[in-house]
PDB file of N, CA and C in Angstrom:
ATOM      1  N   MET A   1      21.620 194.354 306.164  1.00  0.00           N
ATOM      2  CA  MET A   1      21.805 192.638 305.486  1.00  0.00           C
ATOM      3  C   MET A   1      23.403 192.313 306.177  1.00  0.00           C
ATOM      4  N   LYS A   2      23.376 191.356 305.891  1.00  0.00           N
ATOM      5  CA  LYS A   2      24.629 190.570 305.898  1.00  0.00           C
ATOM      6  C   LYS A   2      25.643 190.645 304.546  1.00  0.00           C
ATOM      7  N   SER A   3      26.852 190.521 305.716  1.00  0.00           N
ATOM      8  CA  SER A   3      27.579 190.669 303.737  1.00  0.00           C
ATOM      9  C   SER A   3      27.685 189.312 302.910  1.00  0.00           C
ATOM     10  N   LYS A   4      27.089 187.969 303.753  1.00  0.00           N
ATOM     11  CA  LYS A   4      27.119 186.867 303.061  1.00  0.00           C
ATOM     12  C   LYS A   4      25.715 186.212 302.345  1.00  0.00           C
ATOM     13  N   GLU A   5      25.015 187.715 302.722  1.00  0.00           N
ATOM     14  CA  GLU A   5      23.919 187.505 302.195  1.00  0.00           C
ATOM     15  C   GLU A   5      23.909 188.174 300.635  1.00  0.00           C
ATOM     16  N   PHE A   6      24.709 188.413 299.919  1.00  0.00           N
ATOM     17  CA  PHE A   6      25.204 189.631 299.067  1.00  0.00           C
ATOM     18  C   PHE A   6      25.995 188.444 298.090  1.00  0.00           C
ATOM     19  N   ILE A   7      26.998 187.563 298.171  1.00  0.00           N
ATOM     20  CA  ILE A   7      27.590 186.425 297.726  1.00  0.00           C
ATOM     21  C   ILE A   7      27.041 185.895 296.672  1.00  0.00           C
ATOM     22  N   ASP A   8      27.219 185.485 295.402  1.00  0.00           N
ATOM     23  CA  ASP A   8      26.552 184.246 294.957  1.00  0.00           C
ATOM     24  C   ASP A   8      24.800 185.087 294.883  1.00  0.00           C
ATOM     25  N   LYS A   9      24.817 186.167 294.910  1.00  0.00           N
ATOM     26  CA  LYS A   9      23.694 186.891 294.151  1.00  0.00           C
ATOM     27  C   LYS A   9      23.928 186.971 293.067  1.00  0.00           C
ATOM     28  N   ASP A  10      22.584 187.226 292.023  1.00  0.00           N
ATOM     29  CA  ASP A  10      22.619 187.394 290.997  1.00  0.00           C
ATOM     30  C   ASP A  10      22.826 189.256 290.394  1.00  0.00           C
ATOM     31  N   VAL A  11      23.669 189.976 289.345  1.00  0.00           N
ATOM     32  CA  VAL A  11      23.436 191.368 289.341  1.00  0.00           C
ATOM     33  C   VAL A  11      22.887 191.150 287.759  1.00  0.00           C
ATOM     34  N   PHE A  12      21.933 192.292 287.802  1.00  0.00           N
ATOM     35  CA  PHE A  12      20.770 192.408 286.679  1.00  0.00           C
ATOM     36  C   PHE A  12      21.276 193.690 285.961  1.00  0.00           C
ATOM     37  N   ALA A  13      21.537 194.100 285.110  1.00  0.00           N
ATOM     38  CA  ALA A  13      21.574 195.882 284.124  1.00  0.00           C
ATOM     39  C   ALA A  13      20.764 195.964 283.377  1.00  0.00           C
ATOM     40  N   LEU A  14      19.498 196.476 283.817  1.00  0.00           N
ATOM     41  CA  LEU A  14      18.452 197.019 283.224  1.00  0.00           C
ATOM     42  C   LEU A  14      17.614 195.816 282.710  1.00  0.00           C
ATOM     43  N   ASP A  15      17.769 194.946 283.909  1.00  0.00           N
ATOM     44  CA  ASP A  15      16.191 193.629 284.339  1.00  0.00           C
ATOM     45  C   ASP A  15      17.673 192.453 283.048  1.00  0.00           C
ATOM     46  N   GLU A  16      18.499 192.574 282.825  1.00  0.00           N
ATOM     47  CA  GLU A  16      19.351 191.723 282.287  1.00  0.00           C
ATOM     48  C   GLU A  16      20.693 191.453 282.891  1.00  0.00           C
ATOM     49  N   LYS A  17      20.249 189.671 283.305  1.00  0.00           N
ATOM     50  CA  LYS A  17      21.678 189.185 284.394  1.00  0.00           C
ATOM     51  C   LYS A  17      22.819 189.669 283.622  1.00  0.00           C
ATOM     52  N   ILE A  18      23.344 189.889 284.592  1.00  0.00           N
ATOM     53  CA  ILE A  18      25.140 190.318 283.329  1.00  0.00           C
ATOM     54  C   ILE A  18      26.311 189.235 284.504  1.00  0.00           C
ATOM     55  N   GLY A  19      25.981 188.848 285.618  1.00  0.00           N
ATOM     56  CA  GLY A  19      26.759 188.429 286.830  1.00  0.00           C
ATOM     57  C   GLY A  19      26.463 187.661 288.023  1.00  0.00           C
ATOM     58  N   GLU A  20      27.719 187.411 288.999  1.00  0.00           N
ATOM     59  CA  GLU A  20      27.193 187.514 290.549  1.00  0.00           C
ATOM     60  C   GLU A  20      27.701 188.278 291.285  1.00  0.00           C
ATOM     61  N   VAL A  21      27.505 188.348 292.501  1.00  0.00           N
ATOM     62  CA  VAL A  21      28.130 189.297 293.282  1.00  0.00           C
ATOM     63  C   VAL A  21      29.259 188.067 293.830  1.00  0.00           C
ATOM     64  N   LYS A  22      30.477 188.062 293.671  1.00  0.00           N
ATOM     65  CA  LYS A  22      31.563 187.163 294.399  1.00  0.00           C
ATOM     66  C   LYS A  22      32.559 187.281 295.776  1.00  0.00           C
ATOM     67  N   GLU A  23      32.475 189.043 295.491  1.00  0.00           N
ATOM     68  CA  GLU A  23      33.610 189.746 297.383  1.00  0.00           C
ATOM     69  C   GLU A  23      32.932 191.013 296.840  1.00  0.00           C
ATOM     70  N   ILE A  24      33.264 191.348 298.390  1.00  0.00           N
ATOM     71  CA  ILE A  24      32.755 192.683 298.989  1.00  0.00           C
ATOM     72  C   ILE A  24      34.020 193.284 299.370  1.00  0.00           C
ATOM     73  N   GLU A  25      35.239 194.484 298.315  1.00  0.00           N
ATOM     74  CA  GLU A  25      35.948 194.884 298.723  1.00  0.00           C
ATOM     75  C   GLU A  25      36.162 196.106 300.318  1.00  0.00           C
ATOM     76  N   ILE A  26      36.357 196.001 300.886  1.00  0.00           N
ATOM     77  CA  ILE A  26      36.191 197.285 302.327  1.00  0.00           C
ATOM     78  C   ILE A  26      37.753 197.963 302.351  1.00  0.00           C
ATOM     79  N   ASP A  27      37.753 199.048 302.574  1.00  0.00           N
ATOM     80  CA  ASP A  27      38.669 200.530 302.536  1.00  0.00           C
ATOM     81  C   ASP A  27      38.723 200.252 303.875  1.00  0.00           C
ATOM     82  N   PRO A  28      40.250 199.135 304.873  1.00  0.00           N
ATOM     83  CA  PRO A  28      40.595 199.446 305.984  1.00  0.00           C
ATOM     84  C   PRO A  28      40.775 200.801 306.719  1.00  0.00           C
ATOM     85  N   GLU A  29      40.915 201.721 306.012  1.00  0.00           N
ATOM     86  CA  GLU A  29      41.478 203.007 307.185  1.00  0.00           C
ATOM     87  C   GLU A  29      39.808 203.022 307.268  1.00  0.00           C
ATOM     88  N   ASP A  30      39.337 203.458 305.904  1.00  0.00           N
ATOM     89  CA  ASP A  30      37.510 204.200 306.371  1.00  0.00           C
ATOM     90  C   ASP A  30      36.217 202.991 307.335  1.00  0.00           C
ATOM     91  N   TRP A  31      36.990 201.529 306.680  1.00  0.00           N
ATOM     92  CA  TRP A  31      35.650 200.718 307.202  1.00  0.00           C
ATOM     93  C   TRP A  31      34.651 200.637 306.061  1.00  0.00           C
ATOM     94  N   LYS A  32      34.631 201.307 305.144  1.00  0.00           N
ATOM     95  CA  LYS A  32      33.212 201.222 304.019  1.00  0.00           C
ATOM     96  C   LYS A  32      33.436 200.405 302.946  1.00  0.00           C
ATOM     97  N   VAL A  33      32.425 199.768 302.449  1.00  0.00           N
ATOM     98  CA  VAL A  33      32.853 199.369 300.810  1.00  0.00           C
ATOM     99  C   VAL A  33      32.915 199.944 299.965  1.00  0.00           C
ATOM    100  N   THR A  34      34.216 199.772 299.332  1.00  0.00           N
ATOM    101  CA  THR A  34      34.214 200.460 298.218  1.00  0.00           C
ATOM    102  C   THR A  34      33.706 199.206 296.850  1.00  0.00           C
ATOM    103  N   HIS A  35      33.470 198.274 296.224  1.00  0.00           N
ATOM    104  CA  HIS A  35      33.587 197.875 295.761  1.00  0.00           C
ATOM    105  C   HIS A  35      33.082 196.498 295.547  1.00  0.00           C
ATOM    106  N   LEU A  36      32.067 195.698 294.978  1.00  0.00           N
ATOM    107  CA  LEU A  36      31.867 194.899 294.167  1.00  0.00           C
ATOM    108  C   LEU A  36      32.353 194.018 293.417  1.00  0.00           C
ATOM    109  N   GLU A  37      32.831 192.755 293.751  1.00  0.00           N
ATOM    110  CA  GLU A  37      33.829 192.530 292.030  1.00  0.00           C
ATOM    111  C   GLU A  37      32.393 191.543 292.328  1.00  0.00           C
ATOM    112  N   ILE A  38      32.423 191.453 291.000  1.00  0.00           N
ATOM    113  CA  ILE A  38      31.109 190.736 289.932  1.00  0.00           C
ATOM    114  C   ILE A  38      32.440 189.719 289.034  1.00  0.00           C
ATOM    115  N   GLN A  39      31.710 187.879 289.118  1.00  0.00           N
ATOM    116  CA  GLN A  39      31.699 187.420 288.156  1.00  0.00           C
ATOM    117  C   GLN A  39      30.327 187.414 286.862  1.00  0.00           C
ATOM    118  N   LEU A  40      31.152 188.342 285.815  1.00  0.00           N
ATOM    119  CA  LEU A  40      31.092 188.579 284.815  1.00  0.00           C
ATOM    120  C   LEU A  40      29.884 187.253 284.044  1.00  0.00           C
ATOM    121  N   THR A  41      29.193 187.119 283.074  1.00  0.00           N
ATOM    122  CA  THR A  41      28.744 185.558 282.486  1.00  0.00           C
ATOM    123  C   THR A  41      29.794 186.349 281.544  1.00  0.00           C
ATOM    124  N   LYS A  42      29.886 185.696 280.278  1.00  0.00           N
ATOM    125  CA  LYS A  42      30.746 185.374 279.232  1.00  0.00           C
ATOM    126  C   LYS A  42      30.244 186.743 278.304  1.00  0.00           C
ATOM    127  N   GLU A  43      28.495 186.431 277.970  1.00  0.00           N
ATOM    128  CA  GLU A  43      28.458 187.702 276.733  1.00  0.00           C
ATOM    129  C   GLU A  43      28.304 188.849 277.767  1.00  0.00           C
ATOM    130  N   ALA A  44      28.420 189.088 278.664  1.00  0.00           N
ATOM    131  CA  ALA A  44      28.678 191.009 279.580  1.00  0.00           C
ATOM    132  C   ALA A  44      29.732 190.920 279.605  1.00  0.00           C
ATOM    133  N   ALA A  45      30.714 189.648 279.888  1.00  0.00           N
ATOM    134  CA  ALA A  45      32.292 189.939 279.932  1.00  0.00           C
ATOM    135  C   ALA A  45      32.648 190.867 278.298  1.00  0.00           C
ATOM    136  N   ASN A  46      32.045 190.124 277.406  1.00  0.00           N
ATOM    137  CA  ASN A  46      32.149 190.138 275.881  1.00  0.00           C
ATOM    138  C   ASN A  46      31.958 191.493 276.028  1.00  0.00           C
ATOM    139  N   GLU A  47      30.673 191.947 275.718  1.00  0.00           N
ATOM    140  CA  GLU A  47      30.183 193.537 275.399  1.00  0.00           C
ATOM    141  C   GLU A  47      30.533 194.519 276.475  1.00  0.00           C
ATOM    142  N   ILE A  48      30.444 194.153 277.292  1.00  0.00           N
ATOM    143  CA  ILE A  48      31.348 195.534 278.322  1.00  0.00           C
ATOM    144  C   ILE A  48      32.729 195.355 278.210  1.00  0.00           C
ATOM    145  N   LEU A  49      33.329 194.509 278.232  1.00  0.00           N
ATOM    146  CA  LEU A  49      35.080 194.337 277.871  1.00  0.00           C
ATOM    147  C   LEU A  49      36.119 193.963 276.782  1.00  0.00           C
ATOM    148  N   GLY A  50      34.848 193.542 276.477  1.00  0.00           N
ATOM    149  CA  GLY A  50      35.579 193.005 275.242  1.00  0.00           C
ATOM    150  C   GLY A  50      36.622 191.696 275.165  1.00  0.00           C
ATOM    151  N   ALA A  51      36.088 190.840 276.635  1.00  0.00           N
ATOM    152  CA  ALA A  51      36.768 189.849 276.700  1.00  0.00           C
ATOM    153  C   ALA A  51      36.033 188.233 276.140  1.00  0.00           C
ATOM    154  N   LYS A  52      37.003 187.403 275.408  1.00  0.00           N
ATOM    155  CA  LYS A  52      36.231 185.980 275.127  1.00  0.00           C
ATOM    156  C   LYS A  52      35.467 185.041 276.657  1.00  0.00           C
ATOM    157  N   ILE A  53      36.314 185.498 277.640  1.00  0.00           N
ATOM    158  CA  ILE A  53      35.950 184.195 278.508  1.00  0.00           C
ATOM    159  C   ILE A  53      35.232 185.319 279.634  1.00  0.00           C
ATOM    160  N   ALA A  54      34.457 184.773 280.505  1.00  0.00           N
ATOM    161  CA  ALA A  54      34.060 185.155 281.479  1.00  0.00           C
ATOM    162  C   ALA A  54      34.484 185.711 282.464  1.00  0.00           C
ATOM    163  N   ILE A  55      34.801 186.564 283.461  1.00  0.00           N
ATOM    164  CA  ILE A  55      35.552 187.460 284.112  1.00  0.00           C
ATOM    165  C   ILE A  55      35.238 187.733 285.128  1.00  0.00           C
ATOM    166  N   ARG A  56      35.754 188.226 286.350  1.00  0.00           N
ATOM    167  CA  ARG A  56      35.543 189.127 287.623  1.00  0.00           C
ATOM    168  C   ARG A  56      35.914 190.568 287.175  1.00  0.00           C
ATOM    169  N   ASN A  57      35.278 190.939 287.473  1.00  0.00           N
ATOM    170  CA  ASN A  57      35.640 192.686 287.475  1.00  0.00           C
ATOM    171  C   ASN A  57      34.801 193.389 288.836  1.00  0.00           C
ATOM    172  N   MET A  58      35.527 194.459 288.707  1.00  0.00           N
ATOM    173  CA  MET A  58      35.090 195.032 290.287  1.00  0.00           C
ATOM    174  C   MET A  58      33.792 196.454 289.267  1.00  0.00           C
ATOM    175  N   LEU A  59      33.490 196.195 290.711  1.00  0.00           N
ATOM    176  CA  LEU A  59      32.471 197.535 290.755  1.00  0.00           C
ATOM    177  C   LEU A  59      31.872 198.742 291.391  1.00  0.00           C
ATOM    178  N   ALA A  60      32.009 199.737 291.003  1.00  0.00           N
ATOM    179  CA  ALA A  60      32.666 200.755 292.061  1.00  0.00           C
ATOM    180  C   ALA A  60      30.698 201.105 292.835  1.00  0.00           C
ATOM    181  N   ILE A  61      31.385 201.472 294.421  1.00  0.00           N
ATOM    182  CA  ILE A  61      29.909 201.344 294.960  1.00  0.00           C
ATOM    183  C   ILE A  61      28.891 202.553 294.552  1.00  0.00           C
ATOM    184  N   SER A  62      30.029 203.563 293.920  1.00  0.00           N
ATOM    185  CA  SER A  62      29.365 204.820 293.093  1.00  0.00           C
ATOM    186  C   SER A  62      28.240 204.248 291.856  1.00  0.00           C
ATOM    187  N   ALA A  63      27.805 203.303 291.815  1.00  0.00           N
ATOM    188  CA  ALA A  63      27.291 202.465 290.762  1.00  0.00           C
ATOM    189  C   ALA A  63      25.894 201.845 291.271  1.00  0.00           C
ATOM    190  N   LEU A  64      25.632 201.859 293.264  1.00  0.00           N
ATOM    191  CA  LEU A  64      24.844 201.573 293.771  1.00  0.00           C
ATOM    192  C   LEU A  64      24.392 202.729 294.544  1.00  0.00           C
ATOM    193  N   GLU A  65      24.376 203.890 293.972  1.00  0.00           N
ATOM    194  CA  GLU A  65      23.579 205.317 294.743  1.00  0.00           C
ATOM    195  C   GLU A  65      22.267 204.849 294.555  1.00  0.00           C
ATOM    196  N   LYS A  66      21.564 205.459 295.645  1.00  0.00           N
ATOM    197  CA  LYS A  66      19.905 205.467 295.654  1.00  0.00           C
ATOM    198  C   LYS A  66      19.459 206.085 294.118  1.00  0.00           C
ATOM    199  N   GLY A  67      18.610 205.369 293.444  1.00  0.00           N
ATOM    200  CA  GLY A  67      17.673 205.576 293.176  1.00  0.00           C
ATOM    201  C   GLY A  67      18.350 205.123 291.454  1.00  0.00           C
ATOM    202  N   VAL A  68      19.893 204.542 291.206  1.00  0.00           N
ATOM    203  CA  VAL A  68      20.694 204.078 290.061  1.00  0.00           C
ATOM    204  C   VAL A  68      20.354 202.536 290.640  1.00  0.00           C
ATOM    205  N   ALA A  69      20.513 201.864 291.970  1.00  0.00           N
ATOM    206  CA  ALA A  69      20.644 200.463 292.485  1.00  0.00           C
ATOM    207  C   ALA A  69      19.032 200.363 293.507  1.00  0.00           C
ATOM    208  N   ARG A  70      19.102 199.005 293.198  1.00  0.00           N
ATOM    209  CA  ARG A  70      18.006 198.129 294.039  1.00  0.00           C
ATOM    210  C   ARG A  70      18.280 196.476 294.306  1.00  0.00           C
ATOM    211  N   TRP A  71      17.608 196.678 295.685  1.00  0.00           N
ATOM    212  CA  TRP A  71      18.165 195.778 295.996  1.00  0.00           C
ATOM    213  C   TRP A  71      16.754 194.600 295.933  1.00  0.00           C
ATOM    214  N   THR A  72      16.641 193.185 295.112  1.00  0.00           N
ATOM    215  CA  THR A  72      15.201 192.268 295.280  1.00  0.00           C
ATOM    216  C   THR A  72      15.852 191.245 295.906  1.00  0.00           C
ATOM    217  N   GLU A  73      14.515 190.241 296.222  1.00  0.00           N
ATOM    218  CA  GLU A  73      14.746 188.977 296.132  1.00  0.00           C
ATOM    219  C   GLU A  73      16.025 187.976 295.140  1.00  0.00           C
ATOM    220  N   GLN A  74      15.500 188.481 294.330  1.00  0.00           N
ATOM    221  CA  GLN A  74      16.229 188.340 292.480  1.00  0.00           C
ATOM    222  C   GLN A  74      17.297 188.422 293.009  1.00  0.00           C
ATOM    223  N   GLY A  75      18.307 189.797 293.495  1.00  0.00           N
ATOM    224  CA  GLY A  75      19.526 190.485 293.237  1.00  0.00           C
ATOM    225  C   GLY A  75      19.652 191.831 293.390  1.00  0.00           C
ATOM    226  N   LEU A  76      20.732 191.930 292.523  1.00  0.00           N
ATOM    227  CA  LEU A  76      20.871 193.471 292.447  1.00  0.00           C
ATOM    228  C   LEU A  76      20.690 193.842 290.972  1.00  0.00           C
ATOM    229  N   HIS A  77      20.085 194.681 290.870  1.00  0.00           N
ATOM    230  CA  HIS A  77      19.482 195.214 290.193  1.00  0.00           C
ATOM    231  C   HIS A  77      19.674 196.829 289.855  1.00  0.00           C
ATOM    232  N   LEU A  78      20.235 196.939 288.805  1.00  0.00           N
ATOM    233  CA  LEU A  78      20.925 198.127 288.106  1.00  0.00           C
ATOM    234  C   LEU A  78      20.427 198.770 287.052  1.00  0.00           C
ATOM    235  N   LYS A  79      20.342 200.245 287.157  1.00  0.00           N
ATOM    236  CA  LYS A  79      18.953 200.736 286.488  1.00  0.00           C
ATOM    237  C   LYS A  79      20.192 201.773 285.788  1.00  0.00           C
ATOM    238  N   VAL A  80      21.205 200.506 284.767  1.00  0.00           N
ATOM    239  CA  VAL A  80      22.072 201.887 283.938  1.00  0.00           C
ATOM    240  C   VAL A  80      22.347 200.001 282.741  1.00  0.00           C
ATOM    241  N   SER A  81      22.809 200.833 281.814  1.00  0.00           N
ATOM    242  CA  SER A  81      22.813 199.663 280.493  1.00  0.00           C
ATOM    243  C   SER A  81      24.456 198.892 280.762  1.00  0.00           C
ATOM    244  N   LYS A  82      24.178 198.368 280.065  1.00  0.00           N
ATOM    245  CA  LYS A  82      25.379 197.114 280.574  1.00  0.00           C
ATOM    246  C   LYS A  82      26.616 198.027 279.357  1.00  0.00           C
ATOM    247  N   ASP A  83      25.875 199.431 278.686  1.00  0.00           N
ATOM    248  CA  ASP A  83      27.203 200.264 278.130  1.00  0.00           C
ATOM    249  C   ASP A  83      28.256 201.385 278.969  1.00  0.00           C
ATOM    250  N   GLN A  84      27.196 201.357 279.765  1.00  0.00           N
ATOM    251  CA  GLN A  84      27.249 202.366 280.819  1.00  0.00           C
ATOM    252  C   GLN A  84      27.958 202.160 282.095  1.00  0.00           C
ATOM    253  N   LEU A  85      28.767 200.529 281.849  1.00  0.00           N
ATOM    254  CA  LEU A  85      29.239 199.645 283.522  1.00  0.00           C
ATOM    255  C   LEU A  85      30.329 200.238 283.510  1.00  0.00           C
ATOM    256  N   HIS A  86      30.862 200.660 282.821  1.00  0.00           N
ATOM    257  CA  HIS A  86      32.080 201.022 282.376  1.00  0.00           C
ATOM    258  C   HIS A  86      33.046 202.025 282.912  1.00  0.00           C
ATOM    259  N   MET A  87      31.766 203.097 283.475  1.00  0.00           N
ATOM    260  CA  MET A  87      31.647 203.966 284.097  1.00  0.00           C
ATOM    261  C   MET A  87      32.260 203.803 285.330  1.00  0.00           C
ATOM    262  N   TYR A  88      31.806 202.739 285.613  1.00  0.00           N
ATOM    263  CA  TYR A  88      31.842 202.445 287.481  1.00  0.00           C
ATOM    264  C   TYR A  88      33.338 201.678 287.938  1.00  0.00           C
TER     265      TYR A  88
END
């Protein structure tokens, strides 16, 4: 997939939309993707981070390991709950 195919796609935690992919962060030394910047919905930002407004948050690539995440036409589906996202 090309990077532009990820941008503005929905992100789901256990099939509940939590935001959209806005940026992809790459380690310039290793040329590997390290994080996805997610624009969290207001509700998700409040539940995950205690924020009162919708904010952007970085999601480590470790959250996207095989078996933990899958890509569909709808977007990125994480097999973790919103409560577990703070680990990433």
